[in-house]
Amino acid sequence: MKRFVFHVDVNSAFLSWSALKQLQEDPGSVDLRTIPSAVGGDIRTRHGIITAKSIPAKAYHVQTGEPVVRALEKCPQLVLVRSDFKTYRMYSSRFISILKEYTDQVQQASIDEAYMDVSDLVSSREDAITLADRIKNTVRGRLGFTVNVGISENKFLAKMASDFEKPDKVHTLFSDEIRQKMWPLPVRDLYGCGAATAQQLNEMGFRTIGDLAACSEQMLKTILGEKRGEYIYQRVRGIDSSLVETVRQEAKSCSNETTTAEDIGRRNYNNTALPILRQLSEKVSGRMKKDGVFGATCFVQVKTGGFQRHSRQTRLRNSTNDARIIYETACALMKELTEGLFDEGEVLRLIGVGMSDLDHGEYRQMGMEDWLQVNEQNQRKKEKKEKLDEMVRKIRAQYGEGAVILHGNQAGPQKH
C-alpha cells in the first residue's frame, strides 16, 4: 500500500496566536498579522531575539533568531509583543485535537507542527490534496489561524513541501517531483542541514540541493563526516524510512551551538563570547518553553582551534527554562572552562549551551519568585474577600440580616 504522509505546520504560530488573543481582548485593535510585528525579546529594553514574525515583517528581512536590536534597525516601526506560552499551549492543544478528528496516526513534532499518516484515508494524490484542503480550512474556520500542509510518501519530503510558499497552502513533493521542486532550492533550505553545514558547503561551491545530489556518498562523507554525509546523501534523494510515531519521544536534553565568526581568546572574550552565550541561552529557553519542559542540569561546551571538544556542567537547585538563569549559569561554567584553555594558548571556534535532565515541572520546588507570585495572589484574594464582607455588612445593615446569603465566597440575594 502506498504511503501518504502530511506535515501540518502553523503559519507564524506564536505571532498568529498572540494576534488572536489580542483581538479577543480588544476587538478594535489592529491584527498583528497585517502589520510589521514580531514576538520575542524584552519589549521595554528591546533586548533578546525574535522568535516569530509577521509576513509584513518578513518584507523588511526581519529573521527569526536574530537580535531584537538588529530587527529594529531593519524595521524601526516593528511592533513587538511578549511571548505568552500559556496561550500558545492552549491553541496548540486545539490544533492537534482537530488533526486527531481525522486519524489517530498523528505525531506532534513541536508545539506548532505535526505529522499525519493518512494512508488508510486516501488512495491517490488527488484524494490526499482534497483531504489536506479540508483539514487546512477546518483549522482556519474553527480556530482563526492558517496552516500549511505538505504531502508526500515520507516525513522528510512532507516537511520540505510544507515549507514551500506560505501561508494557507497545500503542496506536494513526491519522489518524481524532487528534481523539479527540491533540487533548485538553495542548500540552506534542506531540512536538517543546519546553518553551519550550509555555510561550509556554500564555501566549497555547493549552491543548490541539486549540486549536492550530483555528489557521491563517499565525497559527502569525506567533506562532512560519516553520519552527516550519509544523512545529506539520503535526504537530497528524498530517502527517509522514519515512521509517524503516535507516542511522542521525550527529548533528553535541549541545546544549541554555533561556530564563531572569529577565533575567541582571552583578549576578545567579553565582546564576542558573552553575546553568543546570551543568544544561545535565549534560543534554548525558547525551545524549552515551546515544548513545556524544564531542565535541572546546565552545560556548556566548546571546540578549540585544535578541534578538541571540552565541556562543563552543573546541577541546579531548581529546574528551569528561564533564559536569564540559563545565561548566568552558562557564563559561570564558561569562565571556569576557558581559564585553563586560555592559559594554554587555545582559542575557541565553537560555543554551545544546553539543558539536560528535562521534566515537565513536576519536580520543581517553589523558588522566591514563585512565593512572591503566590503571596501576591493570596493578597488579592484577601482584599477581594474584605470588600465582599464590607458590602454584605452594609446591605444587611440597611435591609436586614436575611437580605444576603453567602454561598462559599459568593454573595447572593435571599429569595422570598
Protein backbone atom coordinates (compact mmCIF):
# COMPACT_ATOMS: atom_id res chain seq x y z
CA MET A 1 0.00 0.00 0.00
CA LYS A 2 1.34 3.44 -0.95
CA ARG A 3 2.04 5.73 1.99
CA PHE A 4 0.61 9.22 2.25
CA VAL A 5 2.11 11.45 4.94
CA PHE A 6 1.07 15.01 5.82
CA HIS A 7 3.19 17.61 7.58
CA VAL A 8 0.88 20.28 9.02
CA ASP A 9 2.66 23.46 10.11
CA VAL A 10 1.04 26.52 11.71
CA ASN A 11 2.00 29.70 9.83
CA SER A 12 3.93 32.10 12.15
CA ALA A 13 2.42 30.27 15.11
CA PHE A 14 3.46 32.46 18.03
CA LEU A 15 2.69 35.68 16.14
CA SER A 16 -0.69 34.34 14.95
CA TRP A 17 -1.69 33.12 18.40
CA SER A 18 -0.61 36.38 20.05
CA ALA A 19 -2.64 38.29 17.43
CA LEU A 20 -5.74 36.19 18.11
CA LYS A 21 -5.51 36.72 21.85
CA GLN A 22 -5.09 40.49 21.40
CA LEU A 23 -8.12 40.63 19.09
CA GLN A 24 -10.20 38.68 21.61
CA GLU A 25 -9.25 41.04 24.42
CA ASP A 26 -9.64 44.17 22.26
CA PRO A 27 -11.75 43.53 19.12
CA GLY A 28 -10.99 47.03 17.85
CA SER A 29 -7.22 46.58 17.88
CA VAL A 30 -5.13 46.08 14.77
CA ASP A 31 -4.44 42.49 13.69
CA LEU A 32 -0.72 41.94 14.31
CA ARG A 33 -0.60 39.64 11.30
CA THR A 34 -1.36 42.56 8.96
CA ILE A 35 1.46 44.86 10.13
CA PRO A 36 5.24 44.53 10.66
CA SER A 37 5.28 42.78 14.05
CA ALA A 38 7.22 40.15 15.93
CA VAL A 39 7.24 38.09 19.10
CA GLY A 40 10.29 37.95 21.36
CA GLY A 41 12.77 39.85 23.42
CA ASP A 42 12.16 42.33 26.19
CA ILE A 43 9.70 44.93 24.93
CA ARG A 44 10.90 47.59 27.38
CA THR A 45 14.67 47.21 26.95
CA ARG A 46 14.46 45.86 23.37
CA HIS A 47 16.90 43.07 24.16
CA GLY A 48 16.65 39.39 23.26
CA ILE A 49 15.88 37.63 19.98
CA ILE A 50 12.98 37.36 17.54
CA THR A 51 11.03 34.11 17.98
CA ALA A 52 8.28 34.75 15.39
CA LYS A 53 7.45 37.41 12.81
CA SER A 54 4.54 38.51 10.62
CA ILE A 55 4.60 38.29 6.83
CA PRO A 56 4.82 42.12 6.54
CA ALA A 57 7.88 42.00 8.85
CA LYS A 58 9.45 39.42 6.54
CA ALA A 59 9.36 42.05 3.77
CA TYR A 60 11.87 44.05 5.85
CA HIS A 61 14.09 40.92 6.10
CA VAL A 62 13.37 40.50 9.81
CA GLN A 63 14.53 36.98 10.67
CA THR A 64 13.63 34.51 13.39
CA GLY A 65 16.56 34.07 15.79
CA GLU A 66 18.16 37.46 15.17
CA PRO A 67 18.64 40.04 17.97
CA VAL A 68 15.72 42.40 18.51
CA VAL A 69 18.02 45.42 18.16
CA ARG A 70 19.04 44.29 14.66
CA ALA A 71 15.42 43.68 13.67
CA LEU A 72 14.52 47.21 14.81
CA GLU A 73 17.34 48.64 12.71
CA LYS A 74 15.80 46.96 9.66
CA CYS A 75 12.24 47.94 10.58
CA PRO A 76 12.00 50.83 13.12
CA GLN A 77 8.18 50.62 13.16
CA LEU A 78 8.27 46.92 14.13
CA VAL A 79 5.65 46.17 16.82
CA LEU A 80 7.00 43.83 19.49
CA VAL A 81 4.84 41.61 21.71
CA ARG A 82 5.86 39.41 24.61
CA SER A 83 5.75 35.62 24.42
CA ASP A 84 2.69 34.01 26.04
CA PHE A 85 3.26 30.26 26.29
CA LYS A 86 0.07 29.59 28.23
CA THR A 87 -1.91 30.89 25.25
CA TYR A 88 0.35 29.05 22.79
CA ARG A 89 -0.18 25.71 24.54
CA MET A 90 -3.94 26.26 24.52
CA TYR A 91 -4.07 26.89 20.77
CA SER A 92 -1.65 24.03 20.14
CA SER A 93 -3.91 21.61 22.01
CA ARG A 94 -6.93 22.69 19.94
CA PHE A 95 -4.90 22.40 16.73
CA ILE A 96 -3.80 18.82 17.49
CA SER A 97 -7.35 17.88 18.53
CA ILE A 98 -8.63 18.82 15.07
CA LEU A 99 -5.98 16.66 13.39
CA LYS A 100 -6.95 13.69 15.57
CA GLU A 101 -10.55 14.01 14.39
CA TYR A 102 -9.32 12.65 11.04
CA THR A 103 -6.91 9.93 12.23
CA ASP A 104 -5.21 8.70 15.38
CA GLN A 105 -1.94 8.41 13.41
CA VAL A 106 -0.72 11.85 14.50
CA GLN A 107 2.80 12.66 15.69
CA GLN A 108 3.17 16.09 17.28
CA ALA A 109 6.66 17.26 16.28
CA SER A 110 6.54 20.51 18.27
CA ILE A 111 4.01 22.95 19.66
CA ASP A 112 3.03 24.15 16.17
CA GLU A 113 3.60 21.22 13.79
CA ALA A 114 2.59 17.60 13.38
CA TYR A 115 2.85 14.65 11.03
CA MET A 116 -0.17 12.58 9.96
CA ASP A 117 -0.15 9.17 8.29
CA VAL A 118 -3.35 9.22 6.20
CA SER A 119 -2.59 6.11 4.15
CA ASP A 120 -5.83 4.49 5.37
CA LEU A 121 -7.88 7.53 4.36
CA VAL A 122 -6.74 8.22 0.78
CA SER A 123 -5.64 6.17 -2.21
CA SER A 124 -4.46 8.80 -4.68
CA ARG A 125 -2.68 12.14 -4.81
CA GLU A 126 -5.92 13.85 -5.74
CA ASP A 127 -7.67 12.38 -2.67
CA ALA A 128 -4.73 13.45 -0.49
CA ILE A 129 -4.89 17.05 -1.76
CA THR A 130 -8.66 17.16 -1.17
CA LEU A 131 -8.22 15.90 2.41
CA ALA A 132 -5.36 18.33 3.11
CA ASP A 133 -7.51 21.24 1.90
CA ARG A 134 -10.32 20.12 4.18
CA ILE A 135 -8.01 19.97 7.22
CA LYS A 136 -6.44 23.33 6.38
CA ASN A 137 -9.83 25.02 6.00
CA THR A 138 -11.20 23.41 9.18
CA VAL A 139 -8.31 24.79 11.26
CA ARG A 140 -8.75 28.26 9.78
CA GLY A 141 -12.53 28.22 10.16
CA ARG A 142 -12.65 26.98 13.76
CA LEU A 143 -9.51 28.44 15.27
CA GLY A 144 -8.85 31.56 13.19
CA PHE A 145 -5.26 30.86 12.11
CA THR A 146 -3.76 29.29 9.00
CA VAL A 147 -1.59 26.24 8.36
CA ASN A 148 0.44 24.84 5.50
CA VAL A 149 0.12 21.16 4.62
CA GLY A 150 2.92 19.25 2.88
CA ILE A 151 2.05 15.92 1.23
CA SER A 152 4.40 13.09 0.31
CA GLU A 153 5.21 9.42 0.86
CA ASN A 154 7.56 10.10 3.81
CA LYS A 155 8.04 12.58 6.64
CA PHE A 156 11.11 14.35 5.26
CA LEU A 157 9.57 15.19 1.89
CA ALA A 158 6.28 16.20 3.53
CA LYS A 159 8.21 18.57 5.80
CA MET A 160 10.07 20.06 2.82
CA ALA A 161 6.75 20.51 0.96
CA SER A 162 5.08 22.35 3.84
CA ASP A 163 7.90 24.92 3.78
CA PHE A 164 7.13 25.93 0.21
CA GLU A 165 5.11 29.12 -0.44
CA LYS A 166 3.12 30.33 2.58
CA PRO A 167 0.61 30.96 4.12
CA ASP A 168 -2.55 28.82 3.96
CA LYS A 169 -1.24 26.50 1.21
CA VAL A 170 -1.16 22.81 0.32
CA HIS A 171 1.92 21.48 -1.53
CA THR A 172 3.06 18.06 -2.73
CA LEU A 173 6.60 16.73 -3.02
CA PHE A 174 6.66 13.13 -4.19
CA SER A 175 9.74 11.27 -5.42
CA ASP A 176 9.05 12.10 -9.05
CA GLU A 177 8.85 15.82 -8.17
CA ILE A 178 12.19 16.09 -6.35
CA ARG A 179 14.24 17.13 -9.38
CA GLN A 180 11.79 19.88 -10.34
CA LYS A 181 10.72 21.19 -6.93
CA MET A 182 13.54 20.48 -4.46
CA TRP A 183 16.86 20.37 -6.31
CA PRO A 184 16.73 24.04 -7.46
CA LEU A 185 16.39 25.22 -3.83
CA PRO A 186 19.43 26.69 -2.00
CA VAL A 187 21.40 24.34 0.24
CA ARG A 188 20.23 26.21 3.36
CA ASP A 189 16.62 25.10 2.63
CA LEU A 190 17.45 21.41 3.03
CA TYR A 191 15.73 20.39 6.26
CA GLY A 192 18.25 19.13 8.81
CA CYS A 193 21.27 20.58 7.03
CA GLY A 194 21.96 23.32 9.61
CA ALA A 195 23.30 26.84 9.11
CA ALA A 196 26.94 25.96 9.82
CA THR A 197 26.88 22.98 7.44
CA ALA A 198 25.14 25.06 4.75
CA GLN A 199 27.79 27.77 5.07
CA GLN A 200 30.57 25.18 4.84
CA LEU A 201 29.03 23.69 1.70
CA ASN A 202 28.48 27.13 0.14
CA GLU A 203 32.13 27.98 0.68
CA MET A 204 33.04 24.80 -1.19
CA GLY A 205 30.90 25.81 -4.18
CA PHE A 206 27.68 23.88 -3.46
CA ARG A 207 24.84 26.37 -4.02
CA THR A 208 21.75 24.24 -4.58
CA ILE A 209 20.39 20.96 -3.27
CA GLY A 210 20.86 19.67 -6.82
CA ASP A 211 24.59 20.38 -6.54
CA LEU A 212 24.70 18.04 -3.54
CA ALA A 213 22.66 15.40 -5.37
CA ALA A 214 25.40 15.28 -8.01
CA CYS A 215 27.94 14.19 -5.36
CA SER A 216 28.77 10.61 -4.47
CA GLU A 217 28.07 9.39 -0.95
CA GLN A 218 31.78 8.92 -0.29
CA MET A 219 32.56 12.51 -1.29
CA LEU A 220 29.90 13.87 1.08
CA LYS A 221 31.21 11.65 3.89
CA THR A 222 34.73 12.91 3.26
CA ILE A 223 33.55 16.53 3.41
CA LEU A 224 31.06 16.27 6.28
CA GLY A 225 31.95 13.11 8.17
CA GLU A 226 30.33 9.69 8.14
CA LYS A 227 26.96 10.38 9.78
CA ARG A 228 26.41 13.85 8.37
CA GLY A 229 27.49 12.84 4.88
CA GLU A 230 25.18 9.82 4.88
CA TYR A 231 22.25 11.97 6.09
CA ILE A 232 22.73 14.59 3.36
CA TYR A 233 23.23 11.92 0.64
CA GLN A 234 19.94 10.22 1.53
CA ARG A 235 17.86 13.37 2.07
CA VAL A 236 18.75 15.07 -1.22
CA ARG A 237 17.34 11.94 -2.86
CA GLY A 238 14.21 12.02 -0.72
CA ILE A 239 15.10 8.89 1.23
CA ASP A 240 13.55 8.68 4.72
CA SER A 241 12.30 5.48 6.37
CA SER A 242 11.17 7.00 9.68
CA LEU A 243 7.57 6.29 10.73
CA VAL A 244 4.88 8.57 12.10
CA GLU A 245 5.24 7.89 15.83
CA THR A 246 1.93 8.27 17.64
CA VAL A 247 3.71 8.23 21.02
CA ARG A 248 5.94 11.27 21.26
CA GLN A 249 9.54 10.54 22.17
CA GLU A 250 10.69 12.62 25.10
CA ALA A 251 13.83 14.65 24.48
CA LYS A 252 16.64 14.01 26.96
CA SER A 253 18.25 17.41 26.51
CA CYS A 254 17.91 20.72 24.70
CA SER A 255 20.98 22.50 23.36
CA ASN A 256 22.23 24.93 20.76
CA GLU A 257 25.70 25.63 19.45
CA THR A 258 27.33 27.87 16.87
CA THR A 259 30.66 28.11 15.10
CA THR A 260 32.16 31.51 15.89
CA ALA A 261 32.90 34.04 13.15
CA GLU A 262 36.37 34.61 14.60
CA ASP A 263 38.69 32.80 16.98
CA ILE A 264 37.93 33.76 20.57
CA GLY A 265 40.70 34.18 23.13
CA ARG A 266 41.05 35.94 26.45
CA ARG A 267 41.50 39.34 24.77
CA ASN A 268 38.17 39.39 22.90
CA TYR A 269 36.22 37.05 25.19
CA ASN A 270 33.85 39.61 26.76
CA ASN A 271 32.94 41.28 23.47
CA THR A 272 32.41 38.09 21.47
CA ALA A 273 31.73 35.08 23.70
CA LEU A 274 29.28 36.68 26.14
CA PRO A 275 26.83 37.92 23.46
CA ILE A 276 26.95 34.45 21.88
CA LEU A 277 26.22 32.82 25.25
CA ARG A 278 23.24 35.14 25.75
CA GLN A 279 21.82 34.39 22.31
CA LEU A 280 22.28 30.63 22.69
CA SER A 281 20.70 30.71 26.17
CA GLU A 282 17.66 32.53 24.80
CA LYS A 283 17.30 30.04 21.96
CA VAL A 284 17.49 27.09 24.37
CA SER A 285 14.99 28.78 26.70
CA GLY A 286 12.61 29.43 23.81
CA ARG A 287 12.70 25.82 22.63
CA MET A 288 12.15 24.50 26.16
CA LYS A 289 9.18 26.81 26.70
CA LYS A 290 7.83 25.78 23.31
CA ASP A 291 7.88 22.13 24.46
CA GLY A 292 6.76 22.93 28.02
CA VAL A 293 9.83 21.43 29.70
CA PHE A 294 12.32 22.45 32.40
CA GLY A 295 15.95 21.41 32.83
CA ALA A 296 17.81 20.54 36.03
CA THR A 297 21.35 20.45 34.58
CA CYS A 298 23.02 23.25 32.63
CA PHE A 299 26.05 22.55 30.46
CA VAL A 300 28.38 24.40 28.11
CA GLN A 301 30.79 23.06 25.52
CA VAL A 302 33.46 24.48 23.27
CA LYS A 303 35.60 23.36 20.38
CA THR A 304 39.15 24.71 20.35
CA GLY A 305 41.40 25.69 17.46
CA GLY A 306 42.75 22.14 17.52
CA PHE A 307 39.17 20.80 17.07
CA GLN A 308 39.10 19.31 20.57
CA ARG A 309 35.80 19.45 22.49
CA HIS A 310 35.63 20.42 26.16
CA SER A 311 32.58 20.76 28.40
CA ARG A 312 31.41 21.66 31.91
CA GLN A 313 28.08 21.11 33.62
CA THR A 314 26.35 21.78 36.91
CA ARG A 315 23.08 20.70 38.50
CA LEU A 316 20.73 23.50 39.54
CA ARG A 317 18.84 23.64 42.81
CA ASN A 318 15.60 24.08 40.86
CA SER A 319 14.83 23.00 37.28
CA THR A 320 14.23 25.95 34.96
CA ASN A 321 13.63 27.16 31.42
CA ASP A 322 14.32 30.80 32.27
CA ALA A 323 16.75 32.43 29.80
CA ARG A 324 18.33 34.67 32.46
CA ILE A 325 19.15 31.76 34.78
CA ILE A 326 20.49 29.65 31.90
CA TYR A 327 22.66 32.54 30.70
CA GLU A 328 24.08 33.37 34.13
CA THR A 329 24.84 29.69 34.82
CA ALA A 330 26.41 29.26 31.38
CA CYS A 331 28.63 32.31 31.95
CA ALA A 332 29.94 30.88 35.22
CA LEU A 333 30.59 27.48 33.65
CA MET A 334 32.28 29.02 30.61
CA LYS A 335 34.57 31.14 32.78
CA GLU A 336 35.65 28.04 34.67
CA LEU A 337 36.12 26.06 31.45
CA THR A 338 38.11 28.62 29.48
CA GLU A 339 40.57 29.81 32.14
CA GLY A 340 42.79 26.77 31.70
CA LEU A 341 42.36 26.67 27.92
CA PHE A 342 43.40 30.30 27.50
CA ASP A 343 46.43 29.72 29.76
CA GLU A 344 47.49 27.01 27.30
CA GLY A 345 47.15 29.42 24.39
CA GLU A 346 43.99 27.82 22.99
CA VAL A 347 41.23 29.71 21.16
CA LEU A 348 37.54 28.88 20.81
CA ARG A 349 35.99 28.05 17.44
CA LEU A 350 32.60 26.78 18.64
CA ILE A 351 30.41 27.54 21.65
CA GLY A 352 27.39 25.55 22.85
CA VAL A 353 24.84 25.88 25.66
CA GLY A 354 22.30 23.29 26.78
CA MET A 355 20.00 21.93 29.46
CA SER A 356 19.51 18.26 30.36
CA ASP A 357 17.59 16.17 32.93
CA LEU A 358 14.36 17.55 31.50
CA ASP A 359 10.99 17.38 33.23
CA HIS A 360 7.55 18.90 32.83
CA GLY A 361 7.66 20.87 36.06
CA GLU A 362 6.51 18.06 38.33
CA TYR A 363 9.78 18.11 40.30
CA ARG A 364 10.19 21.86 40.57
CA GLN A 365 10.44 23.34 44.04
CA MET A 366 8.91 26.71 44.67
CA GLY A 367 11.50 29.47 44.42
CA MET A 368 11.45 33.04 45.70
CA GLU A 369 9.75 34.40 42.58
CA ASP A 370 7.09 31.69 42.82
CA TRP A 371 6.49 32.54 46.51
CA LEU A 372 6.15 36.22 45.67
CA GLN A 373 3.61 35.45 42.97
CA VAL A 374 1.57 33.20 45.26
CA ASN A 375 1.69 35.79 48.06
CA GLU A 376 0.52 38.45 45.63
CA GLN A 377 -2.39 36.25 44.53
CA ASN A 378 -3.31 35.50 48.15
CA GLN A 379 -3.20 39.20 48.97
CA ARG A 380 -5.59 39.98 46.11
CA LYS A 381 -7.95 37.24 47.31
CA LYS A 382 -7.83 38.65 50.84
CA GLU A 383 -8.60 42.17 49.63
CA LYS A 384 -11.45 40.85 47.48
CA LYS A 385 -12.94 38.99 50.45
CA GLU A 386 -12.65 42.05 52.68
CA LYS A 387 -14.52 44.15 50.09
CA LEU A 388 -17.20 41.45 49.82
CA ASP A 389 -17.60 41.28 53.60
CA GLU A 390 -17.92 45.07 53.81
CA MET A 391 -20.55 45.13 51.05
CA VAL A 392 -22.58 42.36 52.77
CA ARG A 393 -22.36 44.20 56.12
CA LYS A 394 -23.77 47.40 54.59
CA ILE A 395 -26.59 45.58 52.76
CA ARG A 396 -27.61 43.71 55.93
CA ALA A 397 -27.46 46.89 57.96
CA GLN A 398 -29.90 48.57 55.55
CA TYR A 399 -32.18 45.67 54.58
CA GLY A 400 -31.85 43.14 57.42
CA GLU A 401 -29.81 40.05 58.21
CA GLY A 402 -31.68 37.85 55.72
CA ALA A 403 -31.11 40.16 52.75
CA VAL A 404 -27.92 38.36 51.62
CA ILE A 405 -26.98 34.68 51.84
CA LEU A 406 -23.32 33.69 51.38
CA HIS A 407 -22.53 30.65 49.23
CA GLY A 408 -18.83 29.91 49.73
CA ASN A 409 -17.14 33.16 48.67
CA GLN A 410 -20.14 34.29 46.59
CA ALA A 411 -22.92 36.54 47.83
CA GLY A 412 -26.48 36.31 46.53
CA PRO A 413 -29.83 37.84 47.39
CA GLN A 414 -32.25 35.92 49.61
CA LYS A 415 -35.19 34.57 47.58
CA HIS A 416 -38.61 35.04 49.08
